[in-house]
C-alpha atoms as a PDB file:
ATOM      1  CA  MET A   1      14.690  72.920   7.900  1.00  0.00           C
ATOM      2  CA  SER A   2      11.620  70.810   7.653  1.00  0.00           C
ATOM      3  CA  ASN A   3      10.082  70.021   4.191  1.00  0.00           C
ATOM      4  CA  ARG A   4       6.664  71.463   5.521  1.00  0.00           C
ATOM      5  CA  VAL A   5       8.611  74.680   6.604  1.00  0.00           C
ATOM      6  CA  GLN A   6      10.229  75.091   3.284  1.00  0.00           C
ATOM      7  CA  GLU A   7       6.846  74.390   1.686  1.00  0.00           C
ATOM      8  CA  ILE A   8       5.340  77.481   3.272  1.00  0.00           C
ATOM      9  CA  LEU A   9       8.190  79.670   2.477  1.00  0.00           C
ATOM     10  CA  SER A  10       7.809  79.022  -0.976  1.00  0.00           C
ATOM     11  CA  TRP A  11       4.173  80.448  -0.829  1.00  0.00           C
ATOM     12  CA  TYR A  12       5.399  83.991  -0.120  1.00  0.00           C
ATOM     13  CA  GLU A  13       7.124  84.631  -3.458  1.00  0.00           C
ATOM     14  CA  SER A  14       7.806  88.282  -3.473  1.00  0.00           C
ATOM     15  CA  ASP A  15       9.433  88.312  -0.253  1.00  0.00           C
ATOM     16  CA  ASN A  16      13.136  89.024   0.340  1.00  0.00           C
ATOM     17  CA  ALA A  17      15.497  86.652   2.240  1.00  0.00           C
ATOM     18  CA  GLY A  18      15.005  88.753   5.416  1.00  0.00           C
ATOM     19  CA  THR A  19      11.351  88.383   5.666  1.00  0.00           C
ATOM     20  CA  LYS A  20      11.594  84.727   4.569  1.00  0.00           C
ATOM     21  CA  THR A  21      14.118  84.293   7.707  1.00  0.00           C
ATOM     22  CA  ASN A  22      11.760  85.839   9.836  1.00  0.00           C
ATOM     23  CA  ILE A  23       8.790  83.873   9.118  1.00  0.00           C
ATOM     24  CA  ALA A  24      11.302  80.581   9.463  1.00  0.00           C
ATOM     25  CA  ARG A  25      12.375  81.799  12.775  1.00  0.00           C
ATOM     26  CA  LEU A  26       8.645  81.818  13.918  1.00  0.00           C
ATOM     27  CA  LEU A  27       7.945  78.227  12.529  1.00  0.00           C
ATOM     28  CA  ASN A  28      11.235  76.620  13.732  1.00  0.00           C
ATOM     29  CA  HIS A  29      10.818  77.955  17.505  1.00  0.00           C
ATOM     30  CA  GLY A  30       9.488  76.121  20.459  1.00  0.00           C
ATOM     31  CA  LYS A  31       7.674  72.616  20.754  1.00  0.00           C
ATOM     32  CA  LEU A  32       6.279  72.811  17.198  1.00  0.00           C
ATOM     33  CA  ALA A  33       9.387  73.797  15.589  1.00  0.00           C
ATOM     34  CA  GLY A  34       9.274  72.335  11.917  1.00  0.00           C
ATOM     35  CA  THR A  35       5.838  71.099  11.939  1.00  0.00           C
ATOM     36  CA  GLY A  36       4.198  73.976  10.378  1.00  0.00           C
ATOM     37  CA  LYS A  37       2.234  74.787  13.306  1.00  0.00           C
ATOM     38  CA  LEU A  38       2.135  77.395  15.670  1.00  0.00           C
ATOM     39  CA  VAL A  39       1.019  78.542  19.072  1.00  0.00           C
ATOM     40  CA  ILE A  40       1.657  82.168  19.832  1.00  0.00           C
ATOM     41  CA  LEU A  41       1.219  84.250  23.156  1.00  0.00           C
ATOM     42  CA  PRO A  42      -0.270  87.547  22.668  1.00  0.00           C
ATOM     43  CA  VAL A  43      -0.501  89.942  25.473  1.00  0.00           C
ATOM     44  CA  ASP A  44      -2.156  92.995  24.403  1.00  0.00           C
ATOM     45  CA  GLN A  45      -4.931  92.894  26.588  1.00  0.00           C
ATOM     46  CA  GLY A  46      -3.343  95.492  29.214  1.00  0.00           C
ATOM     47  CA  PHE A  47      -4.103  98.191  26.742  1.00  0.00           C
ATOM     48  CA  GLU A  48      -7.122  96.601  24.848  1.00  0.00           C
ATOM     49  CA  HIS A  49      -9.546  95.715  28.097  1.00  0.00           C
ATOM     50  CA  GLY A  50      -7.418  97.465  31.133  1.00  0.00           C
ATOM     51  CA  PRO A  51      -4.823  95.857  33.832  1.00  0.00           C
ATOM     52  CA  ALA A  52      -7.458  94.591  36.226  1.00  0.00           C
ATOM     53  CA  ARG A  53      -9.650  92.715  33.703  1.00  0.00           C
ATOM     54  CA  SER A  54      -6.411  91.256  32.112  1.00  0.00           C
ATOM     55  CA  PHE A  55      -4.117  90.353  35.050  1.00  0.00           C
ATOM     56  CA  ALA A  56      -5.868  90.165  38.339  1.00  0.00           C
ATOM     57  CA  PRO A  57      -7.130  86.688  37.844  1.00  0.00           C
ATOM     58  CA  ASN A  58      -3.363  85.964  38.044  1.00  0.00           C
ATOM     59  CA  ALA A  59      -1.269  88.984  39.314  1.00  0.00           C
ATOM     60  CA  GLY A  60       1.827  87.464  37.973  1.00  0.00           C
ATOM     61  CA  GLY A  61       0.665  88.759  34.669  1.00  0.00           C
ATOM     62  CA  TYR A  62       1.060  92.613  35.786  1.00  0.00           C
ATOM     63  CA  ASN A  63       4.796  91.784  35.204  1.00  0.00           C
ATOM     64  CA  PRO A  64       5.982  92.331  31.793  1.00  0.00           C
ATOM     65  CA  HIS A  65       8.735  89.701  32.393  1.00  0.00           C
ATOM     66  CA  TYR A  66       6.288  86.937  33.427  1.00  0.00           C
ATOM     67  CA  HIS A  67       4.879  86.770  29.967  1.00  0.00           C
ATOM     68  CA  PHE A  68       8.123  86.376  27.907  1.00  0.00           C
ATOM     69  CA  GLN A  69       8.957  83.493  30.573  1.00  0.00           C
ATOM     70  CA  LEU A  70       5.448  81.965  30.001  1.00  0.00           C
ATOM     71  CA  GLY A  71       6.179  81.928  26.466  1.00  0.00           C
ATOM     72  CA  LEU A  72       9.503  80.196  26.923  1.00  0.00           C
ATOM     73  CA  ASP A  73       8.602  78.000  29.449  1.00  0.00           C
ATOM     74  CA  ALA A  74       5.545  76.965  27.356  1.00  0.00           C
ATOM     75  CA  GLY A  75       7.470  76.536  24.297  1.00  0.00           C
ATOM     76  CA  CYS A  76       5.304  78.870  22.164  1.00  0.00           C
ATOM     77  CA  ASN A  77       6.369  79.677  18.842  1.00  0.00           C
ATOM     78  CA  ALA A  78       6.434  83.507  19.498  1.00  0.00           C
ATOM     79  CA  TYR A  79       5.370  86.244  21.847  1.00  0.00           C
ATOM     80  CA  ALA A  80       3.331  89.139  20.658  1.00  0.00           C
ATOM     81  CA  ALA A  81       2.553  92.451  22.552  1.00  0.00           C
ATOM     82  CA  PRO A  82       2.548  96.246  22.125  1.00  0.00           C
ATOM     83  CA  LEU A  83       5.531  98.666  22.437  1.00  0.00           C
ATOM     84  CA  GLY A  84       5.727  99.026  26.512  1.00  0.00           C
ATOM     85  CA  PHE A  85       5.495  95.118  27.192  1.00  0.00           C
ATOM     86  CA  ILE A  86       8.263  94.250  24.618  1.00  0.00           C
ATOM     87  CA  GLU A  87      10.690  97.359  25.533  1.00  0.00           C
ATOM     88  CA  ALA A  88      10.252  96.258  29.283  1.00  0.00           C
ATOM     89  CA  GLY A  89      11.651  92.861  28.407  1.00  0.00           C
ATOM     90  CA  ALA A  90      13.582  92.631  25.178  1.00  0.00           C
ATOM     91  CA  SER A  91      16.830  93.154  26.388  1.00  0.00           C
ATOM     92  CA  HIS A  92      16.520  90.685  29.204  1.00  0.00           C
ATOM     93  CA  PHE A  93      15.281  87.800  26.940  1.00  0.00           C
ATOM     94  CA  ALA A  94      16.933  89.037  23.706  1.00  0.00           C
ATOM     95  CA  GLY A  95      17.351  86.147  21.291  1.00  0.00           C
ATOM     96  CA  GLN A  96      15.430  83.810  23.462  1.00  0.00           C
ATOM     97  CA  ILE A  97      12.117  83.997  21.537  1.00  0.00           C
ATOM     98  CA  PRO A  98      10.740  85.354  18.853  1.00  0.00           C
ATOM     99  CA  LEU A  99       8.899  88.764  19.116  1.00  0.00           C
ATOM    100  CA  ILE A 100       6.061  90.220  17.621  1.00  0.00           C
ATOM    101  CA  LEU A 101       5.640  94.072  18.262  1.00  0.00           C
ATOM    102  CA  LYS A 102       1.735  95.294  17.822  1.00  0.00           C
ATOM    103  CA  LEU A 103       1.825  98.326  16.170  1.00  0.00           C
ATOM    104  CA  ASN A 104      -1.416  99.623  16.876  1.00  0.00           C
ATOM    105  CA  SER A 105      -4.199  99.505  20.070  1.00  0.00           C
ATOM    106  CA  HIS A 106      -7.295 100.367  20.997  1.00  0.00           C
ATOM    107  CA  ASP A 107      -8.696 101.067  24.379  1.00  0.00           C
ATOM    108  CA  THR A 108     -12.337 100.586  25.729  1.00  0.00           C
ATOM    109  CA  LEU A 109     -12.395 103.790  27.944  1.00  0.00           C
ATOM    110  CA  HIS A 110     -15.079 105.554  25.644  1.00  0.00           C
ATOM    111  CA  ASP A 111     -17.872 103.610  23.686  1.00  0.00           C
ATOM    112  CA  GLU A 112     -17.689 103.570  20.039  1.00  0.00           C
ATOM    113  CA  LYS A 113     -19.592 101.525  17.402  1.00  0.00           C
ATOM    114  CA  ASP A 114     -16.990 101.959  14.959  1.00  0.00           C
ATOM    115  CA  PRO A 115     -13.473 101.462  16.487  1.00  0.00           C
ATOM    116  CA  MET A 116     -10.186 103.217  14.957  1.00  0.00           C
ATOM    117  CA  PRO A 117      -7.033 102.057  16.730  1.00  0.00           C
ATOM    118  CA  SER A 118      -4.054 104.234  17.457  1.00  0.00           C
ATOM    119  CA  VAL A 119      -0.608 103.731  15.989  1.00  0.00           C
ATOM    120  CA  THR A 120       1.348 103.148  19.000  1.00  0.00           C
ATOM    121  CA  GLY A 121       4.684 101.589  17.717  1.00  0.00           C
ATOM    122  CA  SER A 122       6.994 101.523  14.381  1.00  0.00           C
ATOM    123  CA  VAL A 123       8.896  99.334  11.951  1.00  0.00           C
ATOM    124  CA  ARG A 124      11.856 101.195  13.480  1.00  0.00           C
ATOM    125  CA  ASP A 125      10.896 100.157  17.128  1.00  0.00           C
ATOM    126  CA  ALA A 126      10.682  96.602  15.872  1.00  0.00           C
ATOM    127  CA  LEU A 127      13.780  96.558  14.439  1.00  0.00           C
ATOM    128  CA  ARG A 128      15.421  98.084  17.657  1.00  0.00           C
ATOM    129  CA  LEU A 129      13.984  95.466  19.703  1.00  0.00           C
ATOM    130  CA  GLY A 130      15.077  92.567  17.530  1.00  0.00           C
ATOM    131  CA  CYS A 131      11.322  91.639  16.452  1.00  0.00           C
ATOM    132  CA  SER A 132      10.896  89.238  13.702  1.00  0.00           C
ATOM    133  CA  ALA A 133       7.664  90.435  12.722  1.00  0.00           C
ATOM    134  CA  VAL A 134       5.299  93.365  13.132  1.00  0.00           C
ATOM    135  CA  GLY A 135       1.584  93.134  14.237  1.00  0.00           C
ATOM    136  CA  PHE A 136      -1.590  95.147  13.105  1.00  0.00           C
ATOM    137  CA  THR A 137      -5.180  95.254  13.727  1.00  0.00           C
ATOM    138  CA  ILE A 138      -7.949  95.839  11.581  1.00  0.00           C
ATOM    139  CA  TYR A 139     -11.573  96.095  11.790  1.00  0.00           C
ATOM    140  CA  PRO A 140     -13.195  95.149   8.630  1.00  0.00           C
ATOM    141  CA  GLY A 141     -17.133  96.495   9.090  1.00  0.00           C
ATOM    142  CA  SER A 142     -16.164  99.936  10.872  1.00  0.00           C
ATOM    143  CA  SER A 143     -16.602 103.063   9.305  1.00  0.00           C
ATOM    144  CA  HIS A 144     -12.921 103.595   9.476  1.00  0.00           C
ATOM    145  CA  CYS A 145     -11.858 100.567   7.674  1.00  0.00           C
ATOM    146  CA  ASN A 146     -10.254 102.392   4.642  1.00  0.00           C
ATOM    147  CA  ALA A 147      -8.072 104.356   6.814  1.00  0.00           C
ATOM    148  CA  MET A 148      -7.014 101.071   8.703  1.00  0.00           C
ATOM    149  CA  TYR A 149      -6.248  99.347   5.254  1.00  0.00           C
ATOM    150  CA  GLU A 150      -4.119 102.232   4.383  1.00  0.00           C
ATOM    151  CA  GLN A 151      -2.126 102.368   7.465  1.00  0.00           C
ATOM    152  CA  LEU A 152      -1.501  98.786   7.085  1.00  0.00           C
ATOM    153  CA  ARG A 153      -0.283  99.054   3.331  1.00  0.00           C
ATOM    154  CA  ALA A 154       2.276 101.515   4.387  1.00  0.00           C
ATOM    155  CA  ILE A 155       3.573  99.466   7.543  1.00  0.00           C
ATOM    156  CA  ALA A 156       3.393  96.299   5.446  1.00  0.00           C
ATOM    157  CA  GLU A 157       5.541  97.669   2.727  1.00  0.00           C
ATOM    158  CA  GLU A 158       8.083  99.328   5.366  1.00  0.00           C
ATOM    159  CA  ALA A 159       8.215  96.230   7.006  1.00  0.00           C
ATOM    160  CA  LYS A 160       8.813  93.954   4.226  1.00  0.00           C
ATOM    161  CA  SER A 161      11.571  96.164   2.998  1.00  0.00           C
ATOM    162  CA  CYS A 162      13.119  95.613   6.247  1.00  0.00           C
ATOM    163  CA  GLY A 163      12.923  92.177   6.124  1.00  0.00           C
ATOM    164  CA  LEU A 164      10.170  91.531   8.907  1.00  0.00           C
ATOM    165  CA  ALA A 165       7.272  89.616   8.620  1.00  0.00           C
ATOM    166  CA  VAL A 166       3.749  90.914   8.643  1.00  0.00           C
ATOM    167  CA  VAL A 167       0.926  89.611  11.153  1.00  0.00           C
ATOM    168  CA  VAL A 168      -2.522  90.826  10.958  1.00  0.00           C
ATOM    169  CA  TRP A 169      -5.287  90.645  13.371  1.00  0.00           C
ATOM    170  CA  SER A 170      -8.389  91.101  10.829  1.00  0.00           C
ATOM    171  CA  TYR A 171     -11.703  91.281  13.448  1.00  0.00           C
ATOM    172  CA  PRO A 172     -14.730  92.277  11.720  1.00  0.00           C
ATOM    173  CA  ARG A 173     -16.517  94.858  14.012  1.00  0.00           C
ATOM    174  CA  GLY A 174     -18.464  98.077  13.525  1.00  0.00           C
ATOM    175  CA  SER A 175     -21.884  99.855  12.560  1.00  0.00           C
ATOM    176  CA  GLY A 176     -22.053  97.922   9.363  1.00  0.00           C
ATOM    177  CA  LEU A 177     -22.217  94.455  11.074  1.00  0.00           C
ATOM    178  CA  SER A 178     -24.455  92.913  13.857  1.00  0.00           C
ATOM    179  CA  LYS A 179     -22.934  91.461  16.934  1.00  0.00           C
ATOM    180  CA  GLU A 180     -23.609  88.082  15.572  1.00  0.00           C
ATOM    181  CA  GLY A 181     -22.288  88.970  12.136  1.00  0.00           C
ATOM    182  CA  GLU A 182     -18.623  89.812  14.069  1.00  0.00           C
ATOM    183  CA  THR A 183     -18.104  86.126  13.813  1.00  0.00           C
ATOM    184  CA  ALA A 184     -20.558  84.932  10.865  1.00  0.00           C
ATOM    185  CA  LEU A 185     -18.708  82.468   8.743  1.00  0.00           C
ATOM    186  CA  ASP A 186     -19.142  84.739   5.304  1.00  0.00           C
ATOM    187  CA  VAL A 187     -17.747  87.745   7.280  1.00  0.00           C
ATOM    188  CA  VAL A 188     -14.729  85.892   8.638  1.00  0.00           C
ATOM    189  CA  ALA A 189     -14.023  84.487   5.219  1.00  0.00           C
ATOM    190  CA  TYR A 190     -14.115  87.880   3.886  1.00  0.00           C
ATOM    191  CA  ALA A 191     -11.982  89.309   6.769  1.00  0.00           C
ATOM    192  CA  ALA A 192      -9.251  86.702   6.133  1.00  0.00           C
ATOM    193  CA  GLN A 193      -9.369  87.565   2.433  1.00  0.00           C
ATOM    194  CA  ILE A 194      -9.046  91.095   2.942  1.00  0.00           C
ATOM    195  CA  ALA A 195      -5.909  90.587   5.279  1.00  0.00           C
ATOM    196  CA  ALA A 196      -4.084  88.557   2.725  1.00  0.00           C
ATOM    197  CA  GLN A 197      -5.172  90.911  -0.055  1.00  0.00           C
ATOM    198  CA  LEU A 198      -3.452  93.443   2.047  1.00  0.00           C
ATOM    199  CA  GLY A 199      -0.017  91.725   2.194  1.00  0.00           C
ATOM    200  CA  ALA A 200      -0.443  89.716   5.151  1.00  0.00           C
ATOM    201  CA  HIS A 201       1.834  86.848   5.684  1.00  0.00           C
ATOM    202  CA  ILE A 202       0.164  85.359   8.960  1.00  0.00           C
ATOM    203  CA  ILE A 203      -3.353  86.320   9.846  1.00  0.00           C
ATOM    204  CA  LYS A 204      -5.228  85.893  12.704  1.00  0.00           C
ATOM    205  CA  VAL A 205      -9.010  85.941  12.812  1.00  0.00           C
ATOM    206  CA  LYS A 206     -11.830  84.611  15.447  1.00  0.00           C
ATOM    207  CA  LEU A 207     -13.596  81.241  15.115  1.00  0.00           C
ATOM    208  CA  PRO A 208     -16.586  81.348  12.728  1.00  0.00           C
ATOM    209  CA  THR A 209     -19.879  80.736  13.709  1.00  0.00           C
ATOM    210  CA  ALA A 210     -22.689  79.035  11.061  1.00  0.00           C
ATOM    211  CA  HIS A 211     -24.474  82.313  10.761  1.00  0.00           C
ATOM    212  CA  LEU A 212     -24.543  84.055   7.504  1.00  0.00           C
ATOM    213  CA  GLU A 213     -24.535  87.958   7.735  1.00  0.00           C
ATOM    214  CA  GLN A 214     -24.763  89.210   4.277  1.00  0.00           C
ATOM    215  CA  ALA A 215     -27.851  88.612   2.124  1.00  0.00           C
ATOM    216  CA  ALA A 216     -25.840  88.379  -1.229  1.00  0.00           C
ATOM    217  CA  ALA A 217     -23.164  85.874  -0.046  1.00  0.00           C
ATOM    218  CA  LYS A 218     -26.202  83.761   1.679  1.00  0.00           C
ATOM    219  CA  LYS A 219     -27.435  83.086  -1.421  1.00  0.00           C
ATOM    220  CA  VAL A 220     -23.919  81.765  -2.569  1.00  0.00           C
ATOM    221  CA  TYR A 221     -23.518  79.503   0.211  1.00  0.00           C
ATOM    222  CA  GLU A 222     -26.529  77.938  -0.200  1.00  0.00           C
ATOM    223  CA  ALA A 223     -26.680  77.433  -3.941  1.00  0.00           C
ATOM    224  CA  GLU A 224     -23.075  76.201  -3.888  1.00  0.00           C
ATOM    225  CA  LYS A 225     -23.607  74.030  -0.643  1.00  0.00           C
ATOM    226  CA  ILE A 226     -20.332  75.032   0.854  1.00  0.00           C
ATOM    227  CA  PRO A 227     -20.206  72.840   4.018  1.00  0.00           C
ATOM    228  CA  ALA A 228     -20.694  74.754   7.367  1.00  0.00           C
ATOM    229  CA  ALA A 229     -22.401  72.257   9.830  1.00  0.00           C
ATOM    230  CA  THR A 230     -19.249  71.602  11.815  1.00  0.00           C
ATOM    231  CA  LEU A 231     -16.612  74.060  13.213  1.00  0.00           C
ATOM    232  CA  ALA A 232     -13.972  71.877  11.342  1.00  0.00           C
ATOM    233  CA  GLU A 233     -15.766  72.503   8.118  1.00  0.00           C
ATOM    234  CA  ARG A 234     -16.031  76.166   8.694  1.00  0.00           C
ATOM    235  CA  VAL A 235     -12.539  76.375   9.429  1.00  0.00           C
ATOM    236  CA  LYS A 236     -11.601  74.769   6.440  1.00  0.00           C
ATOM    237  CA  HIS A 237     -13.513  77.284   4.544  1.00  0.00           C
ATOM    238  CA  ILE A 238     -11.532  80.194   6.212  1.00  0.00           C
ATOM    239  CA  VAL A 239      -8.281  78.427   5.097  1.00  0.00           C
ATOM    240  CA  GLN A 240      -9.570  78.253   1.528  1.00  0.00           C
ATOM    241  CA  SER A 241     -10.563  81.939   1.842  1.00  0.00           C
ATOM    242  CA  SER A 242      -6.800  82.502   2.651  1.00  0.00           C
ATOM    243  CA  PHE A 243      -5.373  82.013  -0.863  1.00  0.00           C
ATOM    244  CA  ASP A 244      -6.484  78.284  -0.811  1.00  0.00           C
ATOM    245  CA  GLY A 245      -4.354  77.752   2.316  1.00  0.00           C
ATOM    246  CA  ARG A 246      -1.099  79.461   0.770  1.00  0.00           C
ATOM    247  CA  ARG A 247      -1.219  82.250   3.847  1.00  0.00           C
ATOM    248  CA  ILE A 248      -0.780  81.257   7.664  1.00  0.00           C
ATOM    249  CA  ILE A 249      -4.000  81.345   9.059  1.00  0.00           C
ATOM    250  CA  ILE A 250      -4.340  81.034  12.756  1.00  0.00           C
ATOM    251  CA  PHE A 251      -7.312  81.616  15.362  1.00  0.00           C
ATOM    252  CA  SER A 252      -7.683  83.469  18.507  1.00  0.00           C
ATOM    253  CA  GLY A 253      -8.382  81.931  21.667  1.00  0.00           C
ATOM    254  CA  GLY A 254     -10.857  84.534  23.178  1.00  0.00           C
ATOM    255  CA  ALA A 255     -12.047  85.054  26.585  1.00  0.00           C
ATOM    256  CA  LYS A 256     -10.944  82.497  29.211  1.00  0.00           C
ATOM    257  CA  SER A 257     -13.019  79.303  29.126  1.00  0.00           C
ATOM    258  CA  ASP A 258     -13.057  75.468  30.353  1.00  0.00           C
ATOM    259  CA  GLU A 259     -10.177  73.270  28.868  1.00  0.00           C
ATOM    260  CA  LYS A 260     -12.694  70.951  27.242  1.00  0.00           C
ATOM    261  CA  THR A 261     -14.314  73.553  25.329  1.00  0.00           C
ATOM    262  CA  VAL A 262     -10.566  75.075  23.940  1.00  0.00           C
ATOM    263  CA  PHE A 263      -9.137  71.455  23.288  1.00  0.00           C
ATOM    264  CA  ASP A 264     -12.200  70.714  21.176  1.00  0.00           C
ATOM    265  CA  GLU A 265     -11.766  74.239  19.169  1.00  0.00           C
ATOM    266  CA  VAL A 266      -8.108  73.014  18.527  1.00  0.00           C
ATOM    267  CA  ARG A 267      -9.193  69.841  17.174  1.00  0.00           C
ATOM    268  CA  ALA A 268     -11.303  71.489  14.961  1.00  0.00           C
ATOM    269  CA  ILE A 269      -8.826  74.090  13.799  1.00  0.00           C
ATOM    270  CA  ARG A 270      -6.259  71.092  13.307  1.00  0.00           C
ATOM    271  CA  ASP A 271      -8.769  68.824  11.427  1.00  0.00           C
ATOM    272  CA  GLY A 272      -9.761  72.018   9.409  1.00  0.00           C
ATOM    273  CA  GLY A 273      -6.362  72.438   8.310  1.00  0.00           C
ATOM    274  CA  GLY A 274      -5.945  75.591  10.294  1.00  0.00           C
ATOM    275  CA  PHE A 275      -2.178  76.686  11.235  1.00  0.00           C
ATOM    276  CA  GLY A 276      -2.506  76.743  14.711  1.00  0.00           C
ATOM    277  CA  SER A 277      -3.887  79.260  17.702  1.00  0.00           C
ATOM    278  CA  ILE A 278      -2.923  82.589  19.263  1.00  0.00           C
ATOM    279  CA  ILE A 279      -3.909  82.221  22.900  1.00  0.00           C
ATOM    280  CA  GLY A 280      -3.713  85.110  25.572  1.00  0.00           C
ATOM    281  CA  ARG A 281      -6.198  84.977  28.328  1.00  0.00           C
ATOM    282  CA  ASN A 282      -6.825  81.360  28.324  1.00  0.00           C
ATOM    283  CA  SER A 283      -3.129  81.109  29.098  1.00  0.00           C
ATOM    284  CA  PHE A 284      -2.050  83.891  31.148  1.00  0.00           C
ATOM    285  CA  GLN A 285      -4.925  84.226  33.243  1.00  0.00           C
ATOM    286  CA  ARG A 286      -4.127  80.479  34.655  1.00  0.00           C
ATOM    287  CA  PRO A 287      -1.365  79.890  37.425  1.00  0.00           C
ATOM    288  CA  LYS A 288       1.675  79.484  35.700  1.00  0.00           C
ATOM    289  CA  ALA A 289       2.220  75.808  35.824  1.00  0.00           C
ATOM    290  CA  GLU A 290      -1.348  75.071  34.906  1.00  0.00           C
ATOM    291  CA  ALA A 291      -0.749  77.390  31.696  1.00  0.00           C
ATOM    292  CA  VAL A 292       2.326  75.785  30.837  1.00  0.00           C
ATOM    293  CA  LYS A 293       0.483  72.385  31.038  1.00  0.00           C
ATOM    294  CA  PHE A 294      -2.587  73.768  29.127  1.00  0.00           C
ATOM    295  CA  LEU A 295      -0.288  75.187  26.344  1.00  0.00           C
ATOM    296  CA  ASN A 296       1.691  71.722  26.145  1.00  0.00           C
ATOM    297  CA  SER A 297      -1.753  69.872  25.471  1.00  0.00           C
ATOM    298  CA  ILE A 298      -2.732  72.299  22.715  1.00  0.00           C
ATOM    299  CA  MET A 299       0.681  71.968  21.352  1.00  0.00           C
ATOM    300  CA  ALA A 300       0.364  67.954  21.440  1.00  0.00           C
ATOM    301  CA  LEU A 301      -3.069  68.316  19.519  1.00  0.00           C
ATOM    302  CA  TYR A 302      -1.401  70.251  16.714  1.00  0.00           C
ATOM    303  CA  ALA A 303       1.782  67.922  16.641  1.00  0.00           C
ATOM    304  CA  GLY A 304      -0.696  64.930  16.592  1.00  0.00           C
ATOM    305  CA  GLU A 305       0.609  63.511  19.620  1.00  0.00           C
ATOM    306  CA  LYS A 306      -3.214  63.459  21.334  1.00  0.00           C
ATOM    307  CA  PRO A 307      -6.038  62.670  19.288  1.00  0.00           C
END
């Protein structure tokens, strides 16, 4: 095991051998094995956005096996998905790639300013399917956030007792925030801190803008002159807000965009001390050969093989 992975595992001082082993599985798989960096393939968009919006750009994605194979072919650290997609391929691909079972999901069939996902899987499901971790989304800023925090606390307690790692999607959203505020630097930093305080081993957030949403926070950012001019500086602040970099913090890829934009974002994540990316639509909506090349380029950036 590399010194870097051993160092990361040392940060999780309260966790049992099973949980640390599963964190190590995530860090020691794929092309970035041993580097302390992660590129994870998440495919929860079928539930979150609908099948056509998610898979019509590349029809192979309608097939659950496609995503397991894409993660394998590209050398991803792990594959994350809701219960149905994991069940549809867990046996066929058993032991070939670490799995993260997403335990809650939210659909877009009705408009709501304050989202509240449904719990759609369990820790027992994750154990049955051979997963290394469970995933859970919280929406800081939603009027339902307290219920989500309490759900996560209970799920994290059970998962850790069973030796599983806990991955938290922390996405600010709801009537308490403006649209611009969902990716504001102060708000994303707060969301990362909340996930860490709720016991996450790995935290997923969106890349922050330079906007400051909260008036009280804005005064502090300005008084303390917290650097925020570049994306790398903003990433560094998010890492600092995640227990001073002692929790693994990765960043979402968002909607499909051009390669240059994504690669520039990856460079900023790398240069700001981020631990990697979790990239769904930007990968699986491309033809497979193109997606593999695309993901390998991202991994090369994180590995320091490309400037």
